Amino acid sequence: MAAGHKIRHNAVDFTGCLAHAEITYLQSTQKILRIRGHFHHNEGCKKALIMRFPAVPLHPAVYEVALQQLKEGCTLTDVQERNHTMVQPWHIATSLLICRDLHTVGIYDLRDKDTRSLYRQFNHLQGIKSQSKAHLNIDEWLDPDSAQFNQTLHDVVFHYSPRATWGEQVEICIATPEMREAAWKYAHQSQIILDGTFGSVTKNSFIQSLWA
C-alpha cells in the first residue's frame, strides 16, 4: 500500500482467486496446530503476470554509513551531502565494492522519505522508544527504579517536573558541568538572561537553581 494512500497496489491484477491458507501455531514452540484454507488457484491467477513491481528499498549499507555519521554528531544535511557524493558516477564502483558481500538488493540514493526510518533506527540505538511519548521516555530515564534509568542525564538535571495530569507540561532543566562553570563566569550578580525560542527567561528564582 502506498504511503499516505488507502489504495493497495498489488503486484498482480485481481482475478477473483480465493486461494489462501490459515495457519494456527503456538508462538512459544512454533508448533503448528491447524492448517486450513482454500488451496486451489483459478485459471486467471495461474496465468497472471506481475504488473507492478514493489519499490526498491534503500540498501542496508546506506543506513549503516548514515547511522555512523549521526553517532559522530553529524547533521542530516551532512549525511545527505555525503550520500550524494558517494552515489556520483565516479563513486559507484566503490559503493558497490563495499556492499558486495551483503547479498541484498537496494538503491543507494538516500531519499527524503528514508529519513524517518533512519531516525527511528538511530533512536533505537540510543535506547529511545520512538513509539512512546517523549515525557514517558524522560520519566523512565530519570526514575532510579526504572530499567531505563540514565545516570548521566540524572546528574545534569537540576529541575524536573513530570507531567502528572492532562494539560500539564513537562519541565526539565539541564546544566552540564561546563554550563555551570560558564554560568559562574559570565553571570551578572546571579542573573542570566537567556534568549529562547519564544522569548527570554529573566526570573532570578529560576536561574538561581544553577547555583545549588
N, C-alpha and C. Protein backbone atom coordinates (compact mmCIF):
# COMPACT_ATOMS: atom_id res chain seq x y z
N MET A 1 0.84 -1.18 0.00
CA MET A 1 0.00 0.00 0.00
C MET A 1 0.89 1.24 0.00
N ALA A 2 0.62 2.19 -0.86
CA ALA A 2 1.42 3.39 -0.95
C ALA A 2 1.24 4.24 0.30
N ALA A 3 2.34 4.85 0.75
CA ALA A 3 2.29 5.66 1.96
C ALA A 3 1.34 6.84 1.78
N GLY A 4 0.44 7.02 2.74
CA GLY A 4 -0.50 8.13 2.69
C GLY A 4 -1.71 7.89 1.84
N HIS A 5 -1.85 6.68 1.30
CA HIS A 5 -2.99 6.36 0.45
C HIS A 5 -3.68 5.09 0.95
N LYS A 6 -4.97 4.97 0.64
CA LYS A 6 -5.72 3.78 1.03
C LYS A 6 -5.84 2.80 -0.12
N ILE A 7 -5.22 3.11 -1.25
CA ILE A 7 -5.28 2.24 -2.41
C ILE A 7 -4.13 1.24 -2.35
N ARG A 8 -4.45 -0.03 -2.40
CA ARG A 8 -3.42 -1.07 -2.35
C ARG A 8 -2.93 -1.36 -3.77
N HIS A 9 -1.63 -1.33 -3.95
CA HIS A 9 -1.04 -1.59 -5.26
C HIS A 9 -0.45 -3.00 -5.27
N ASN A 10 -1.29 -3.99 -5.55
CA ASN A 10 -0.82 -5.37 -5.62
C ASN A 10 0.05 -5.59 -6.84
N ALA A 11 0.92 -6.59 -6.72
CA ALA A 11 1.83 -6.87 -7.83
C ALA A 11 1.09 -7.36 -9.07
N VAL A 12 -0.03 -8.06 -8.86
CA VAL A 12 -0.81 -8.58 -10.00
C VAL A 12 -2.24 -8.06 -9.91
N ASP A 13 -2.92 -8.05 -11.04
CA ASP A 13 -4.31 -7.60 -11.07
C ASP A 13 -5.21 -8.63 -10.37
N PHE A 14 -6.32 -8.16 -9.85
CA PHE A 14 -7.26 -9.03 -9.14
C PHE A 14 -7.93 -9.98 -10.12
N THR A 15 -7.93 -11.28 -9.79
CA THR A 15 -8.51 -12.29 -10.67
C THR A 15 -9.69 -13.00 -10.02
N GLY A 16 -10.03 -12.63 -8.81
CA GLY A 16 -11.12 -13.31 -8.11
C GLY A 16 -10.70 -14.62 -7.50
N CYS A 17 -9.41 -14.88 -7.42
CA CYS A 17 -8.93 -16.14 -6.87
C CYS A 17 -9.15 -16.18 -5.36
N LEU A 18 -9.64 -17.32 -4.86
CA LEU A 18 -9.93 -17.47 -3.44
C LEU A 18 -8.84 -18.20 -2.67
N ALA A 19 -7.75 -18.54 -3.33
CA ALA A 19 -6.69 -19.33 -2.68
C ALA A 19 -6.12 -18.58 -1.48
N HIS A 20 -6.06 -19.28 -0.36
CA HIS A 20 -5.47 -18.72 0.85
C HIS A 20 -5.19 -19.85 1.83
N ALA A 21 -4.37 -19.57 2.84
CA ALA A 21 -4.07 -20.55 3.88
C ALA A 21 -4.09 -19.87 5.23
N GLU A 22 -4.68 -20.55 6.20
CA GLU A 22 -4.73 -20.05 7.56
C GLU A 22 -3.99 -21.05 8.44
N ILE A 23 -2.92 -20.57 9.10
CA ILE A 23 -2.08 -21.44 9.90
C ILE A 23 -2.13 -21.00 11.36
N THR A 24 -2.51 -21.91 12.24
CA THR A 24 -2.56 -21.64 13.67
C THR A 24 -1.42 -22.39 14.35
N TYR A 25 -0.63 -21.67 15.16
CA TYR A 25 0.51 -22.31 15.81
C TYR A 25 0.76 -21.69 17.19
N LEU A 26 1.55 -22.39 18.00
CA LEU A 26 1.94 -21.89 19.31
C LEU A 26 3.17 -21.03 19.15
N GLN A 27 3.09 -19.79 19.58
CA GLN A 27 4.21 -18.87 19.39
C GLN A 27 5.43 -19.31 20.19
N SER A 28 5.21 -19.89 21.36
CA SER A 28 6.33 -20.27 22.22
C SER A 28 7.17 -21.40 21.63
N THR A 29 6.50 -22.36 20.98
CA THR A 29 7.22 -23.53 20.46
C THR A 29 7.23 -23.60 18.94
N GLN A 30 6.45 -22.72 18.29
CA GLN A 30 6.31 -22.73 16.84
C GLN A 30 5.62 -24.01 16.34
N LYS A 31 4.99 -24.74 17.23
CA LYS A 31 4.29 -25.97 16.84
C LYS A 31 3.00 -25.61 16.13
N ILE A 32 2.81 -26.19 14.94
CA ILE A 32 1.61 -25.92 14.15
C ILE A 32 0.44 -26.74 14.66
N LEU A 33 -0.67 -26.07 14.94
CA LEU A 33 -1.85 -26.74 15.46
C LEU A 33 -2.88 -27.04 14.38
N ARG A 34 -2.96 -26.17 13.37
CA ARG A 34 -4.00 -26.37 12.35
C ARG A 34 -3.64 -25.61 11.08
N ILE A 35 -3.94 -26.22 9.97
CA ILE A 35 -3.79 -25.56 8.66
C ILE A 35 -5.10 -25.75 7.90
N ARG A 36 -5.70 -24.67 7.49
CA ARG A 36 -6.92 -24.77 6.71
C ARG A 36 -6.97 -23.62 5.71
N GLY A 37 -7.84 -23.76 4.73
CA GLY A 37 -7.98 -22.72 3.74
C GLY A 37 -8.47 -23.29 2.41
N HIS A 38 -8.30 -22.50 1.37
CA HIS A 38 -8.65 -22.92 0.00
C HIS A 38 -7.35 -22.94 -0.78
N PHE A 39 -6.93 -24.13 -1.20
CA PHE A 39 -5.58 -24.31 -1.73
C PHE A 39 -5.51 -24.41 -3.25
N HIS A 40 -6.56 -24.04 -3.94
CA HIS A 40 -6.57 -24.16 -5.40
C HIS A 40 -6.75 -22.77 -6.04
N HIS A 41 -5.84 -22.44 -6.95
CA HIS A 41 -5.89 -21.17 -7.67
C HIS A 41 -6.77 -21.29 -8.91
N ASN A 42 -7.45 -20.22 -9.27
CA ASN A 42 -8.24 -20.26 -10.50
C ASN A 42 -7.31 -20.04 -11.70
N GLU A 43 -7.85 -20.23 -12.90
CA GLU A 43 -7.02 -20.14 -14.11
C GLU A 43 -6.44 -18.74 -14.30
N GLY A 44 -7.23 -17.72 -13.96
CA GLY A 44 -6.72 -16.36 -14.10
C GLY A 44 -5.52 -16.10 -13.22
N CYS A 45 -5.55 -16.64 -12.03
CA CYS A 45 -4.43 -16.46 -11.10
C CYS A 45 -3.19 -17.21 -11.59
N LYS A 46 -3.41 -18.41 -12.15
CA LYS A 46 -2.29 -19.20 -12.65
C LYS A 46 -1.58 -18.52 -13.82
N LYS A 47 -2.34 -17.77 -14.62
CA LYS A 47 -1.76 -17.13 -15.81
C LYS A 47 -1.38 -15.66 -15.57
N ALA A 48 -1.62 -15.18 -14.36
CA ALA A 48 -1.39 -13.76 -14.07
C ALA A 48 0.10 -13.41 -14.16
N LEU A 49 0.36 -12.23 -14.65
CA LEU A 49 1.72 -11.71 -14.76
C LEU A 49 1.90 -10.54 -13.80
N ILE A 50 3.12 -10.33 -13.36
CA ILE A 50 3.40 -9.20 -12.47
C ILE A 50 3.22 -7.89 -13.24
N MET A 51 2.34 -7.05 -12.76
CA MET A 51 2.05 -5.79 -13.43
C MET A 51 2.70 -4.59 -12.73
N ARG A 52 2.96 -4.75 -11.45
CA ARG A 52 3.55 -3.65 -10.68
C ARG A 52 4.63 -4.21 -9.76
N PHE A 53 5.86 -3.82 -9.98
CA PHE A 53 6.96 -4.29 -9.15
C PHE A 53 7.04 -3.44 -7.87
N PRO A 54 7.35 -4.05 -6.75
CA PRO A 54 7.44 -3.29 -5.49
C PRO A 54 8.60 -2.30 -5.53
N ALA A 55 8.48 -1.28 -4.71
CA ALA A 55 9.54 -0.27 -4.65
C ALA A 55 10.83 -0.89 -4.13
N VAL A 56 11.94 -0.48 -4.70
CA VAL A 56 13.24 -0.99 -4.27
C VAL A 56 13.65 -0.27 -2.99
N PRO A 57 13.95 -1.00 -1.93
CA PRO A 57 14.29 -0.35 -0.66
C PRO A 57 15.70 0.24 -0.67
N LEU A 58 15.96 1.06 0.32
CA LEU A 58 17.29 1.62 0.49
C LEU A 58 18.23 0.52 0.97
N HIS A 59 19.41 0.47 0.41
CA HIS A 59 20.37 -0.57 0.75
C HIS A 59 20.81 -0.43 2.21
N PRO A 60 20.91 -1.55 2.94
CA PRO A 60 21.31 -1.50 4.35
C PRO A 60 22.64 -0.78 4.58
N ALA A 61 23.55 -0.86 3.61
CA ALA A 61 24.85 -0.22 3.78
C ALA A 61 24.72 1.30 3.87
N VAL A 62 23.70 1.87 3.22
CA VAL A 62 23.49 3.31 3.28
C VAL A 62 23.08 3.70 4.70
N TYR A 63 22.19 2.92 5.29
CA TYR A 63 21.79 3.18 6.67
C TYR A 63 22.99 3.05 7.61
N GLU A 64 23.82 2.07 7.35
CA GLU A 64 24.99 1.84 8.21
C GLU A 64 25.91 3.06 8.22
N VAL A 65 26.17 3.61 7.03
CA VAL A 65 27.03 4.79 6.93
C VAL A 65 26.36 6.00 7.58
N ALA A 66 25.06 6.18 7.32
CA ALA A 66 24.33 7.32 7.86
C ALA A 66 24.25 7.26 9.39
N LEU A 67 24.00 6.07 9.96
CA LEU A 67 23.91 5.93 11.40
C LEU A 67 25.24 6.23 12.07
N GLN A 68 26.33 5.83 11.44
CA GLN A 68 27.65 6.12 11.99
C GLN A 68 27.90 7.62 12.01
N GLN A 69 27.45 8.33 10.96
CA GLN A 69 27.59 9.78 10.93
C GLN A 69 26.79 10.44 12.05
N LEU A 70 25.57 9.97 12.27
CA LEU A 70 24.75 10.54 13.33
C LEU A 70 25.39 10.30 14.69
N LYS A 71 26.00 9.14 14.89
CA LYS A 71 26.68 8.85 16.14
C LYS A 71 27.82 9.83 16.38
N GLU A 72 28.46 10.26 15.29
CA GLU A 72 29.59 11.18 15.39
C GLU A 72 29.14 12.63 15.52
N GLY A 73 27.82 12.86 15.52
CA GLY A 73 27.31 14.21 15.71
C GLY A 73 27.02 14.97 14.43
N CYS A 74 27.05 14.31 13.31
CA CYS A 74 26.77 14.98 12.03
C CYS A 74 25.29 15.33 11.93
N THR A 75 24.99 16.36 11.17
CA THR A 75 23.61 16.75 10.93
C THR A 75 23.05 15.96 9.77
N LEU A 76 21.73 16.03 9.58
CA LEU A 76 21.10 15.35 8.45
C LEU A 76 21.63 15.89 7.14
N THR A 77 21.92 17.19 7.10
CA THR A 77 22.49 17.77 5.88
C THR A 77 23.83 17.15 5.56
N ASP A 78 24.66 16.92 6.58
CA ASP A 78 25.95 16.26 6.37
C ASP A 78 25.76 14.85 5.82
N VAL A 79 24.78 14.14 6.37
CA VAL A 79 24.50 12.77 5.93
C VAL A 79 24.08 12.77 4.46
N GLN A 80 23.19 13.68 4.10
CA GLN A 80 22.70 13.75 2.73
C GLN A 80 23.80 14.14 1.75
N GLU A 81 24.65 15.06 2.16
CA GLU A 81 25.74 15.50 1.28
C GLU A 81 26.73 14.37 1.03
N ARG A 82 27.07 13.62 2.07
CA ARG A 82 28.00 12.51 1.87
C ARG A 82 27.38 11.44 0.99
N ASN A 83 26.10 11.16 1.22
CA ASN A 83 25.41 10.17 0.40
C ASN A 83 25.39 10.61 -1.06
N HIS A 84 25.12 11.88 -1.28
CA HIS A 84 25.08 12.40 -2.65
C HIS A 84 26.44 12.25 -3.32
N THR A 85 27.50 12.47 -2.56
CA THR A 85 28.85 12.33 -3.10
C THR A 85 29.17 10.88 -3.45
N MET A 86 28.75 9.95 -2.58
CA MET A 86 29.07 8.54 -2.79
C MET A 86 28.32 7.93 -3.96
N VAL A 87 27.15 8.46 -4.31
CA VAL A 87 26.39 7.87 -5.41
C VAL A 87 26.69 8.53 -6.75
N GLN A 88 27.65 9.45 -6.76
CA GLN A 88 28.06 10.03 -8.03
C GLN A 88 28.68 8.93 -8.91
N PRO A 89 28.60 9.06 -10.23
CA PRO A 89 29.10 8.00 -11.14
C PRO A 89 30.52 7.54 -10.84
N TRP A 90 31.37 8.46 -10.43
CA TRP A 90 32.75 8.06 -10.19
C TRP A 90 32.95 7.39 -8.84
N HIS A 91 31.88 7.33 -8.02
CA HIS A 91 31.97 6.64 -6.75
C HIS A 91 31.13 5.37 -6.70
N ILE A 92 30.40 5.10 -7.76
CA ILE A 92 29.52 3.93 -7.77
C ILE A 92 30.30 2.64 -7.59
N ALA A 93 31.45 2.51 -8.26
CA ALA A 93 32.24 1.29 -8.17
C ALA A 93 32.66 1.04 -6.72
N THR A 94 33.09 2.10 -6.03
CA THR A 94 33.49 1.95 -4.63
C THR A 94 32.31 1.55 -3.75
N SER A 95 31.15 2.17 -3.99
CA SER A 95 29.97 1.86 -3.20
C SER A 95 29.56 0.40 -3.38
N LEU A 96 29.63 -0.09 -4.62
CA LEU A 96 29.25 -1.47 -4.88
C LEU A 96 30.25 -2.44 -4.26
N LEU A 97 31.50 -2.05 -4.22
CA LEU A 97 32.51 -2.91 -3.63
C LEU A 97 32.28 -3.07 -2.14
N ILE A 98 31.88 -1.99 -1.46
CA ILE A 98 31.61 -2.04 -0.03
C ILE A 98 30.41 -2.95 0.27
N CYS A 99 29.40 -2.91 -0.61
CA CYS A 99 28.15 -3.62 -0.35
C CYS A 99 28.09 -5.00 -1.00
N ARG A 100 29.13 -5.41 -1.66
CA ARG A 100 29.08 -6.63 -2.46
C ARG A 100 28.75 -7.87 -1.65
N ASP A 101 29.24 -7.95 -0.41
CA ASP A 101 29.10 -9.17 0.38
C ASP A 101 27.79 -9.25 1.14
N LEU A 102 26.92 -8.24 1.04
CA LEU A 102 25.67 -8.26 1.78
C LEU A 102 24.58 -9.06 1.09
N HIS A 103 24.75 -9.31 -0.21
CA HIS A 103 23.81 -10.13 -0.98
C HIS A 103 22.39 -9.61 -0.90
N THR A 104 22.21 -8.30 -0.85
CA THR A 104 20.89 -7.71 -0.83
C THR A 104 20.79 -6.68 -1.94
N VAL A 105 19.56 -6.47 -2.39
CA VAL A 105 19.33 -5.52 -3.46
C VAL A 105 18.77 -4.24 -2.87
N GLY A 106 19.24 -3.12 -3.32
CA GLY A 106 18.73 -1.86 -2.82
C GLY A 106 19.32 -0.69 -3.56
N ILE A 107 18.70 0.46 -3.41
CA ILE A 107 19.23 1.67 -4.03
C ILE A 107 20.15 2.36 -3.04
N TYR A 108 20.99 3.25 -3.54
CA TYR A 108 22.00 3.88 -2.70
C TYR A 108 21.73 5.36 -2.47
N ASP A 109 20.74 5.90 -3.16
CA ASP A 109 20.42 7.32 -3.04
C ASP A 109 19.47 7.54 -1.87
N LEU A 110 19.91 8.24 -0.82
CA LEU A 110 19.09 8.49 0.36
C LEU A 110 18.00 9.50 0.03
N ARG A 111 16.74 9.05 0.10
CA ARG A 111 15.61 9.92 -0.24
C ARG A 111 15.02 10.54 1.02
N ASP A 112 14.23 11.59 0.81
CA ASP A 112 13.63 12.29 1.95
C ASP A 112 12.76 11.36 2.79
N LYS A 113 12.05 10.44 2.14
CA LYS A 113 11.15 9.55 2.88
C LYS A 113 11.92 8.50 3.68
N ASP A 114 13.22 8.37 3.42
CA ASP A 114 14.02 7.39 4.16
C ASP A 114 14.50 7.94 5.50
N THR A 115 14.40 9.25 5.69
CA THR A 115 14.92 9.85 6.92
C THR A 115 14.14 9.41 8.15
N ARG A 116 12.85 9.14 8.00
CA ARG A 116 12.06 8.70 9.15
C ARG A 116 12.59 7.38 9.68
N SER A 117 12.83 6.45 8.78
CA SER A 117 13.37 5.16 9.20
C SER A 117 14.77 5.33 9.79
N LEU A 118 15.54 6.24 9.20
CA LEU A 118 16.90 6.49 9.69
C LEU A 118 16.87 6.96 11.14
N TYR A 119 16.02 7.94 11.43
CA TYR A 119 15.95 8.47 12.79
C TYR A 119 15.39 7.45 13.77
N ARG A 120 14.45 6.63 13.32
CA ARG A 120 13.90 5.60 14.20
C ARG A 120 14.98 4.58 14.57
N GLN A 121 15.81 4.21 13.60
CA GLN A 121 16.90 3.28 13.88
C GLN A 121 17.92 3.92 14.82
N PHE A 122 18.20 5.19 14.61
CA PHE A 122 19.17 5.89 15.46
C PHE A 122 18.63 6.01 16.88
N ASN A 123 17.36 6.35 17.01
CA ASN A 123 16.75 6.43 18.34
C ASN A 123 16.80 5.09 19.06
N HIS A 124 16.55 4.02 18.31
CA HIS A 124 16.58 2.68 18.90
C HIS A 124 17.97 2.36 19.44
N LEU A 125 19.01 2.75 18.72
CA LEU A 125 20.37 2.51 19.16
C LEU A 125 20.69 3.30 20.43
N GLN A 126 20.02 4.44 20.61
CA GLN A 126 20.25 5.27 21.79
C GLN A 126 19.34 4.87 22.96
N GLY A 127 18.51 3.85 22.75
CA GLY A 127 17.61 3.43 23.81
C GLY A 127 16.35 4.25 23.92
N ILE A 128 16.04 5.01 22.86
CA ILE A 128 14.85 5.85 22.85
C ILE A 128 13.70 5.08 22.21
N LYS A 129 12.58 4.99 22.91
CA LYS A 129 11.42 4.31 22.38
C LYS A 129 10.61 5.30 21.53
N SER A 130 10.77 5.21 20.23
CA SER A 130 10.12 6.16 19.33
C SER A 130 8.60 6.08 19.40
N GLN A 131 8.07 4.91 19.77
CA GLN A 131 6.64 4.74 19.81
C GLN A 131 6.02 5.31 21.10
N SER A 132 6.85 5.63 22.07
CA SER A 132 6.36 6.17 23.34
C SER A 132 6.38 7.70 23.31
N LYS A 133 5.53 8.30 24.13
CA LYS A 133 5.51 9.74 24.25
C LYS A 133 6.83 10.22 24.86
N ALA A 134 7.25 11.44 24.47
CA ALA A 134 8.53 11.97 24.94
C ALA A 134 8.58 12.06 26.46
N HIS A 135 7.48 12.49 27.10
CA HIS A 135 7.51 12.67 28.55
C HIS A 135 7.61 11.33 29.29
N LEU A 136 7.15 10.24 28.65
CA LEU A 136 7.29 8.92 29.27
C LEU A 136 8.72 8.43 29.20
N ASN A 137 9.38 8.69 28.07
CA ASN A 137 10.79 8.34 27.94
C ASN A 137 11.62 9.08 28.99
N ILE A 138 11.38 10.38 29.12
CA ILE A 138 12.13 11.20 30.07
C ILE A 138 11.94 10.70 31.49
N ASP A 139 10.70 10.36 31.83
CA ASP A 139 10.42 9.90 33.19
C ASP A 139 11.15 8.60 33.50
N GLU A 140 11.23 7.72 32.53
CA GLU A 140 11.94 6.45 32.74
C GLU A 140 13.43 6.68 32.91
N TRP A 141 13.99 7.63 32.15
CA TRP A 141 15.43 7.90 32.25
C TRP A 141 15.80 8.51 33.60
N LEU A 142 14.86 9.24 34.21
CA LEU A 142 15.16 9.93 35.47
C LEU A 142 14.67 9.19 36.70
N ASP A 143 14.01 8.07 36.52
CA ASP A 143 13.49 7.28 37.63
C ASP A 143 14.54 6.23 38.04
N PRO A 144 15.14 6.35 39.23
CA PRO A 144 16.18 5.39 39.66
C PRO A 144 15.68 3.95 39.72
N ASP A 145 14.37 3.76 39.85
CA ASP A 145 13.81 2.41 39.92
C ASP A 145 13.49 1.82 38.55
N SER A 146 13.69 2.61 37.50
CA SER A 146 13.38 2.15 36.15
C SER A 146 14.58 1.43 35.53
N ALA A 147 14.27 0.44 34.70
CA ALA A 147 15.34 -0.27 33.99
C ALA A 147 16.01 0.63 32.96
N GLN A 148 15.34 1.73 32.59
CA GLN A 148 15.89 2.66 31.61
C GLN A 148 16.61 3.85 32.27
N PHE A 149 16.82 3.77 33.58
CA PHE A 149 17.43 4.88 34.31
C PHE A 149 18.77 5.27 33.70
N ASN A 150 18.95 6.59 33.49
CA ASN A 150 20.17 7.12 32.86
C ASN A 150 20.89 8.01 33.88
N GLN A 151 21.96 7.48 34.45
CA GLN A 151 22.68 8.21 35.49
C GLN A 151 23.30 9.49 34.97
N THR A 152 23.81 9.45 33.74
CA THR A 152 24.44 10.63 33.16
C THR A 152 23.45 11.78 33.03
N LEU A 153 22.25 11.48 32.52
CA LEU A 153 21.23 12.51 32.39
C LEU A 153 20.76 12.97 33.76
N HIS A 154 20.61 12.04 34.69
CA HIS A 154 20.15 12.37 36.04
C HIS A 154 21.09 13.37 36.71
N ASP A 155 22.39 13.23 36.48
CA ASP A 155 23.38 14.07 37.14
C ASP A 155 23.36 15.51 36.65
N VAL A 156 22.87 15.76 35.45
CA VAL A 156 22.91 17.12 34.91
C VAL A 156 21.55 17.82 34.97
N VAL A 157 20.52 17.13 35.47
CA VAL A 157 19.19 17.75 35.58
C VAL A 157 19.08 18.42 36.95
N PHE A 158 18.86 19.75 36.97
CA PHE A 158 18.72 20.45 38.25
C PHE A 158 17.27 20.82 38.54
N HIS A 159 16.38 20.63 37.58
CA HIS A 159 14.95 20.87 37.83
C HIS A 159 14.14 19.96 36.93
N TYR A 160 13.21 19.22 37.54
CA TYR A 160 12.37 18.32 36.75
C TYR A 160 10.98 18.27 37.36
N SER A 161 9.99 18.57 36.55
CA SER A 161 8.60 18.48 36.96
C SER A 161 7.87 17.62 35.94
N PRO A 162 7.55 16.37 36.29
CA PRO A 162 6.91 15.47 35.32
C PRO A 162 5.48 15.88 35.00
N ARG A 163 4.98 15.34 33.93
CA ARG A 163 3.59 15.58 33.55
C ARG A 163 2.72 14.60 34.32
N ALA A 164 1.97 15.12 35.29
CA ALA A 164 1.16 14.26 36.16
C ALA A 164 -0.28 14.16 35.70
N THR A 165 -0.80 15.22 35.11
CA THR A 165 -2.19 15.23 34.67
C THR A 165 -2.28 15.77 33.25
N TRP A 166 -3.45 15.53 32.64
CA TRP A 166 -3.70 16.00 31.29
C TRP A 166 -3.64 17.53 31.23
N GLY A 167 -2.92 18.07 30.26
CA GLY A 167 -2.82 19.51 30.11
C GLY A 167 -1.56 20.10 30.72
N GLU A 168 -0.90 19.35 31.59
CA GLU A 168 0.36 19.84 32.17
C GLU A 168 1.51 19.71 31.18
N GLN A 169 2.51 20.54 31.34
CA GLN A 169 3.70 20.50 30.51
C GLN A 169 4.86 19.93 31.31
N VAL A 170 5.72 19.20 30.63
CA VAL A 170 6.92 18.68 31.27
C VAL A 170 7.93 19.82 31.43
N GLU A 171 8.53 19.89 32.62
CA GLU A 171 9.58 20.88 32.85
C GLU A 171 10.86 20.14 33.18
N ILE A 172 11.89 20.37 32.39
CA ILE A 172 13.19 19.74 32.66
C ILE A 172 14.28 20.73 32.29
N CYS A 173 15.18 20.98 33.23
CA CYS A 173 16.27 21.94 33.02
C CYS A 173 17.60 21.21 33.22
N ILE A 174 18.49 21.38 32.28
CA ILE A 174 19.75 20.65 32.26
C ILE A 174 20.91 21.63 32.35
N ALA A 175 21.90 21.30 33.17
CA ALA A 175 23.12 22.09 33.28
C ALA A 175 24.30 21.15 33.42
N THR A 176 25.10 21.04 32.42
CA THR A 176 26.30 20.22 32.48
C THR A 176 27.36 20.95 33.29
N PRO A 177 28.41 20.26 33.74
CA PRO A 177 29.48 20.95 34.48
C PRO A 177 30.05 22.15 33.71
N GLU A 178 30.17 22.00 32.40
CA GLU A 178 30.69 23.12 31.59
C GLU A 178 29.72 24.30 31.61
N MET A 179 28.42 24.01 31.58
CA MET A 179 27.42 25.07 31.62
C MET A 179 27.43 25.78 32.98
N ARG A 180 27.60 25.03 34.08
CA ARG A 180 27.65 25.63 35.40
C ARG A 180 28.88 26.53 35.54
N GLU A 181 30.00 26.06 35.01
CA GLU A 181 31.22 26.86 35.06
C GLU A 181 31.06 28.15 34.29
N ALA A 182 30.43 28.06 33.10
CA ALA A 182 30.21 29.27 32.30
C ALA A 182 29.23 30.21 32.99
N ALA A 183 28.24 29.64 33.70
CA ALA A 183 27.26 30.48 34.40
C ALA A 183 27.94 31.30 35.48
N TRP A 184 28.83 30.69 36.25
CA TRP A 184 29.56 31.42 37.28
C TRP A 184 30.49 32.47 36.66
N LYS A 185 31.00 32.15 35.49
CA LYS A 185 31.97 33.05 34.86
C LYS A 185 31.31 34.27 34.24
N TYR A 186 30.15 34.07 33.59
CA TYR A 186 29.55 35.15 32.81
C TYR A 186 28.31 35.77 33.47
N ALA A 187 27.82 35.21 34.56
CA ALA A 187 26.61 35.75 35.19
C ALA A 187 26.86 37.14 35.75
N HIS A 188 25.82 37.97 35.75
CA HIS A 188 25.89 39.31 36.32
C HIS A 188 25.10 39.34 37.62
N GLN A 189 25.81 39.24 38.74
CA GLN A 189 25.18 39.27 40.05
C GLN A 189 24.02 38.26 40.15
N SER A 190 24.34 37.04 39.89
CA SER A 190 23.38 35.92 39.99
C SER A 190 22.24 36.00 39.00
N GLN A 191 22.42 36.72 37.91
CA GLN A 191 21.36 36.82 36.92
C GLN A 191 21.90 36.53 35.53
N ILE A 192 21.16 35.70 34.81
CA ILE A 192 21.47 35.40 33.41
C ILE A 192 20.19 35.55 32.61
N ILE A 193 20.28 36.24 31.50
CA ILE A 193 19.14 36.38 30.61
C ILE A 193 19.40 35.50 29.40
N LEU A 194 18.53 34.50 29.20
CA LEU A 194 18.71 33.53 28.12
C LEU A 194 17.74 33.82 27.00
N ASP A 195 18.24 33.89 25.80
CA ASP A 195 17.40 34.08 24.63
C ASP A 195 16.77 32.74 24.27
N GLY A 196 15.44 32.66 24.28
CA GLY A 196 14.76 31.41 23.99
C GLY A 196 13.97 31.49 22.71
N THR A 197 13.34 30.38 22.37
CA THR A 197 12.57 30.31 21.13
C THR A 197 11.40 31.28 21.14
N PHE A 198 10.73 31.40 22.29
CA PHE A 198 9.54 32.23 22.36
C PHE A 198 9.73 33.45 23.26
N GLY A 199 10.96 33.78 23.60
CA GLY A 199 11.19 34.94 24.45
C GLY A 199 12.46 34.77 25.24
N SER A 200 12.49 35.30 26.46
CA SER A 200 13.67 35.19 27.29
C SER A 200 13.28 34.90 28.73
N VAL A 201 14.21 34.27 29.46
CA VAL A 201 13.99 33.94 30.85
C VAL A 201 14.72 34.97 31.69
N THR A 202 14.01 35.70 32.54
CA THR A 202 14.62 36.79 33.31
C THR A 202 14.45 36.63 34.81
N LYS A 203 13.71 35.61 35.28
CA LYS A 203 13.41 35.46 36.70
C LYS A 203 14.61 34.85 37.44
N ASN A 204 15.09 35.60 38.43
CA ASN A 204 16.24 35.13 39.19
C ASN A 204 15.97 33.82 39.89
N SER A 205 14.73 33.61 40.38
CA SER A 205 14.41 32.40 41.13
C SER A 205 14.60 31.16 40.28
N PHE A 206 14.38 31.33 38.97
CA PHE A 206 14.52 30.19 38.07
C PHE A 206 16.00 29.91 37.80
N ILE A 207 16.75 30.97 37.56
CA ILE A 207 18.16 30.80 37.21
C ILE A 207 19.01 30.44 38.42
N GLN A 208 18.62 30.90 39.63
CA GLN A 208 19.44 30.66 40.79
C GLN A 208 19.55 29.19 41.15
N SER A 209 18.67 28.36 40.56
CA SER A 209 18.79 26.92 40.77
C SER A 209 20.14 26.41 40.28
N LEU A 210 20.73 27.14 39.36
CA LEU A 210 22.04 26.75 38.84
C LEU A 210 23.10 26.76 39.94
N TRP A 211 22.89 27.63 40.92
CA TRP A 211 23.94 27.80 41.92
C TRP A 211 23.86 26.73 43.00
N ALA A 212 22.83 25.90 42.97
CA ALA A 212 22.68 24.88 44.02
C ALA A 212 23.82 23.89 43.99
